[in-house]
C-alpha atoms as a PDB file:
ATOM      1  CA  MET A   1      55.047 128.877  87.153  1.00  0.00           C
ATOM      2  CA  SER A   2      58.287 127.816  85.283  1.00  0.00           C
ATOM      3  CA  ASP A   3      56.092 126.608  82.633  1.00  0.00           C
ATOM      4  CA  THR A   4      54.494 129.870  82.040  1.00  0.00           C
ATOM      5  CA  VAL A   5      58.022 131.898  81.998  1.00  0.00           C
ATOM      6  CA  SER A   6      59.198 129.486  79.737  1.00  0.00           C
ATOM      7  CA  PHE A   7      55.956 129.626  77.134  1.00  0.00           C
ATOM      8  CA  ALA A   8      56.520 133.572  77.493  1.00  0.00           C
ATOM      9  CA  ARG A   9      60.070 133.675  76.517  1.00  0.00           C
ATOM     10  CA  ASP A  10      59.296 131.096  73.912  1.00  0.00           C
ATOM     11  CA  GLN A  11      56.480 133.212  72.623  1.00  0.00           C
ATOM     12  CA  LEU A  12      58.851 136.259  72.592  1.00  0.00           C
ATOM     13  CA  ARG A  13      61.355 135.030  70.893  1.00  0.00           C
ATOM     14  CA  SER A  14      58.947 133.789  68.127  1.00  0.00           C
ATOM     15  CA  ILE A  15      57.652 137.431  67.815  1.00  0.00           C
ATOM     16  CA  VAL A  16      60.965 138.683  67.440  1.00  0.00           C
ATOM     17  CA  GLU A  17      62.258 136.133  64.913  1.00  0.00           C
ATOM     18  CA  ARG A  18      59.067 136.988  62.755  1.00  0.00           C
ATOM     19  CA  VAL A  19      59.716 140.727  62.770  1.00  0.00           C
ATOM     20  CA  GLU A  20      63.242 139.923  62.195  1.00  0.00           C
ATOM     21  CA  ARG A  21      62.482 138.094  59.186  1.00  0.00           C
ATOM     22  CA  LEU A  22      59.860 140.748  57.894  1.00  0.00           C
ATOM     23  CA  GLU A  23      62.408 143.534  58.341  1.00  0.00           C
ATOM     24  CA  GLU A  24      64.728 141.393  56.208  1.00  0.00           C
ATOM     25  CA  GLU A  25      62.015 140.856  53.450  1.00  0.00           C
ATOM     26  CA  LYS A  26      61.241 144.721  53.720  1.00  0.00           C
ATOM     27  CA  LYS A  27      64.995 145.440  52.918  1.00  0.00           C
ATOM     28  CA  ALA A  28      65.039 143.002  50.184  1.00  0.00           C
ATOM     29  CA  ILE A  29      61.922 144.608  48.763  1.00  0.00           C
ATOM     30  CA  ALA A  30      63.221 148.184  49.225  1.00  0.00           C
ATOM     31  CA  ASP A  31      66.504 147.321  47.187  1.00  0.00           C
ATOM     32  CA  ASP A  32      64.504 145.893  44.614  1.00  0.00           C
ATOM     33  CA  ILE A  33      62.502 149.040  44.250  1.00  0.00           C
ATOM     34  CA  ARG A  34      65.500 151.109  44.067  1.00  0.00           C
ATOM     35  CA  GLU A  35      66.804 148.820  41.486  1.00  0.00           C
ATOM     36  CA  VAL A  36      63.595 149.283  39.353  1.00  0.00           C
ATOM     37  CA  PHE A  37      63.821 153.313  39.903  1.00  0.00           C
ATOM     38  CA  ALA A  38      67.549 153.088  38.631  1.00  0.00           C
ATOM     39  CA  GLU A  39      66.502 151.341  35.524  1.00  0.00           C
ATOM     40  CA  ALA A  40      63.907 153.981  34.778  1.00  0.00           C
ATOM     41  CA  LYS A  41      66.548 156.604  35.206  1.00  0.00           C
ATOM     42  CA  ALA A  42      68.866 154.945  33.072  1.00  0.00           C
ATOM     43  CA  ASN A  43      66.050 154.876  30.511  1.00  0.00           C
ATOM     44  CA  GLY A  44      65.560 158.429  30.810  1.00  0.00           C
ATOM     45  CA  PHE A  45      62.563 158.843  32.896  1.00  0.00           C
ATOM     46  CA  ASP A  46      62.160 161.254  35.578  1.00  0.00           C
ATOM     47  CA  THR A  47      62.252 159.338  38.942  1.00  0.00           C
ATOM     48  CA  LYS A  48      60.781 162.030  40.915  1.00  0.00           C
ATOM     49  CA  VAL A  49      57.825 162.413  38.623  1.00  0.00           C
ATOM     50  CA  LEU A  50      57.379 158.757  38.369  1.00  0.00           C
ATOM     51  CA  ARG A  51      57.226 158.527  42.310  1.00  0.00           C
ATOM     52  CA  GLN A  52      54.683 161.018  42.290  1.00  0.00           C
ATOM     53  CA  VAL A  53      52.603 159.274  39.485  1.00  0.00           C
ATOM     54  CA  ILE A  54      52.933 156.079  41.677  1.00  0.00           C
ATOM     55  CA  ARG A  55      51.702 157.784  44.740  1.00  0.00           C
ATOM     56  CA  LEU A  56      48.675 159.462  42.527  1.00  0.00           C
ATOM     57  CA  ARG A  57      47.770 156.275  41.369  1.00  0.00           C
ATOM     58  CA  ARG A  58      47.205 154.629  44.909  1.00  0.00           C
ATOM     59  CA  GLN A  59      44.371 157.660  45.311  1.00  0.00           C
ATOM     60  CA  ASP A  60      41.272 157.473  44.446  1.00  0.00           C
ATOM     61  CA  LEU A  61      39.440 159.670  41.780  1.00  0.00           C
ATOM     62  CA  ALA A  62      37.620 161.803  44.392  1.00  0.00           C
ATOM     63  CA  GLU A  63      40.536 162.105  46.762  1.00  0.00           C
ATOM     64  CA  ARG A  64      42.896 163.066  44.005  1.00  0.00           C
ATOM     65  CA  GLN A  65      40.554 165.713  42.323  1.00  0.00           C
ATOM     66  CA  GLU A  66      40.215 166.990  45.951  1.00  0.00           C
ATOM     67  CA  GLN A  67      43.853 167.693  46.387  1.00  0.00           C
ATOM     68  CA  ASP A  68      44.365 169.269  43.022  1.00  0.00           C
ATOM     69  CA  ALA A  69      41.415 171.791  43.549  1.00  0.00           C
ATOM     70  CA  VAL A  70      42.943 172.609  46.979  1.00  0.00           C
ATOM     71  CA  ARG A  71      46.657 172.697  45.826  1.00  0.00           C
ATOM     72  CA  ASP A  72      45.484 175.109  42.935  1.00  0.00           C
ATOM     73  CA  LEU A  73      43.695 177.088  45.129  1.00  0.00           C
ATOM     74  CA  TYR A  74      46.622 177.738  47.297  1.00  0.00           C
ATOM     75  CA  LEU A  75      49.092 178.332  44.165  1.00  0.00           C
ATOM     76  CA  GLN A  76      46.247 180.904  42.813  1.00  0.00           C
ATOM     77  CA  ALA A  77      46.270 182.709  45.988  1.00  0.00           C
ATOM     78  CA  LEU A  78      50.398 182.748  45.824  1.00  0.00           C
ATOM     79  CA  GLY A  79      49.969 184.192  42.368  1.00  0.00           C
ATOM     80  CA  MET A  80      51.523 181.031  41.018  1.00  0.00           C
ATOM     81  CA  LEU A  81      48.291 180.320  39.017  1.00  0.00           C
ATOM     82  CA  PRO A  82      46.577 182.542  36.636  1.00  0.00           C
ATOM     83  CA  GLU A  83      43.060 183.480  38.166  1.00  0.00           C
ATOM     84  CA  PHE A  84      40.002 181.898  36.970  1.00  0.00           C
ATOM     85  CA  PRO A  85      37.740 183.314  34.322  1.00  0.00           C
ATOM     86  CA  GLY A  86      35.426 185.676  35.997  1.00  0.00           C
ATOM     87  CA  GLY A  87      37.741 186.015  39.046  1.00  0.00           C
ATOM     88  CA  ARG A  88      38.598 189.529  39.982  1.00  0.00           C
ATOM     89  CA  GLU A  89      42.268 190.725  38.998  1.00  0.00           C
ATOM     90  CA  GLY A  90      44.630 191.684  41.553  1.00  0.00           C
END
């Protein structure tokens, strides 16, 4: 029974240490990303829009078009976009 407990303890320690290493790597990558955005901002880029562009690039074209259509529908319903040609006037 002692071998089983020892094995489980070693396995648990290994898992915890691997997660800790990955968390350190994740923090380092997040710091690197922050630096790149700081560089972009220093060069006059709008980082909020840059983040949106990066998010959009992750989506496939059909997904992006569907979201654009739904967003435009919502904006139109709220009077934030002109009605489409042939639509009724409010």
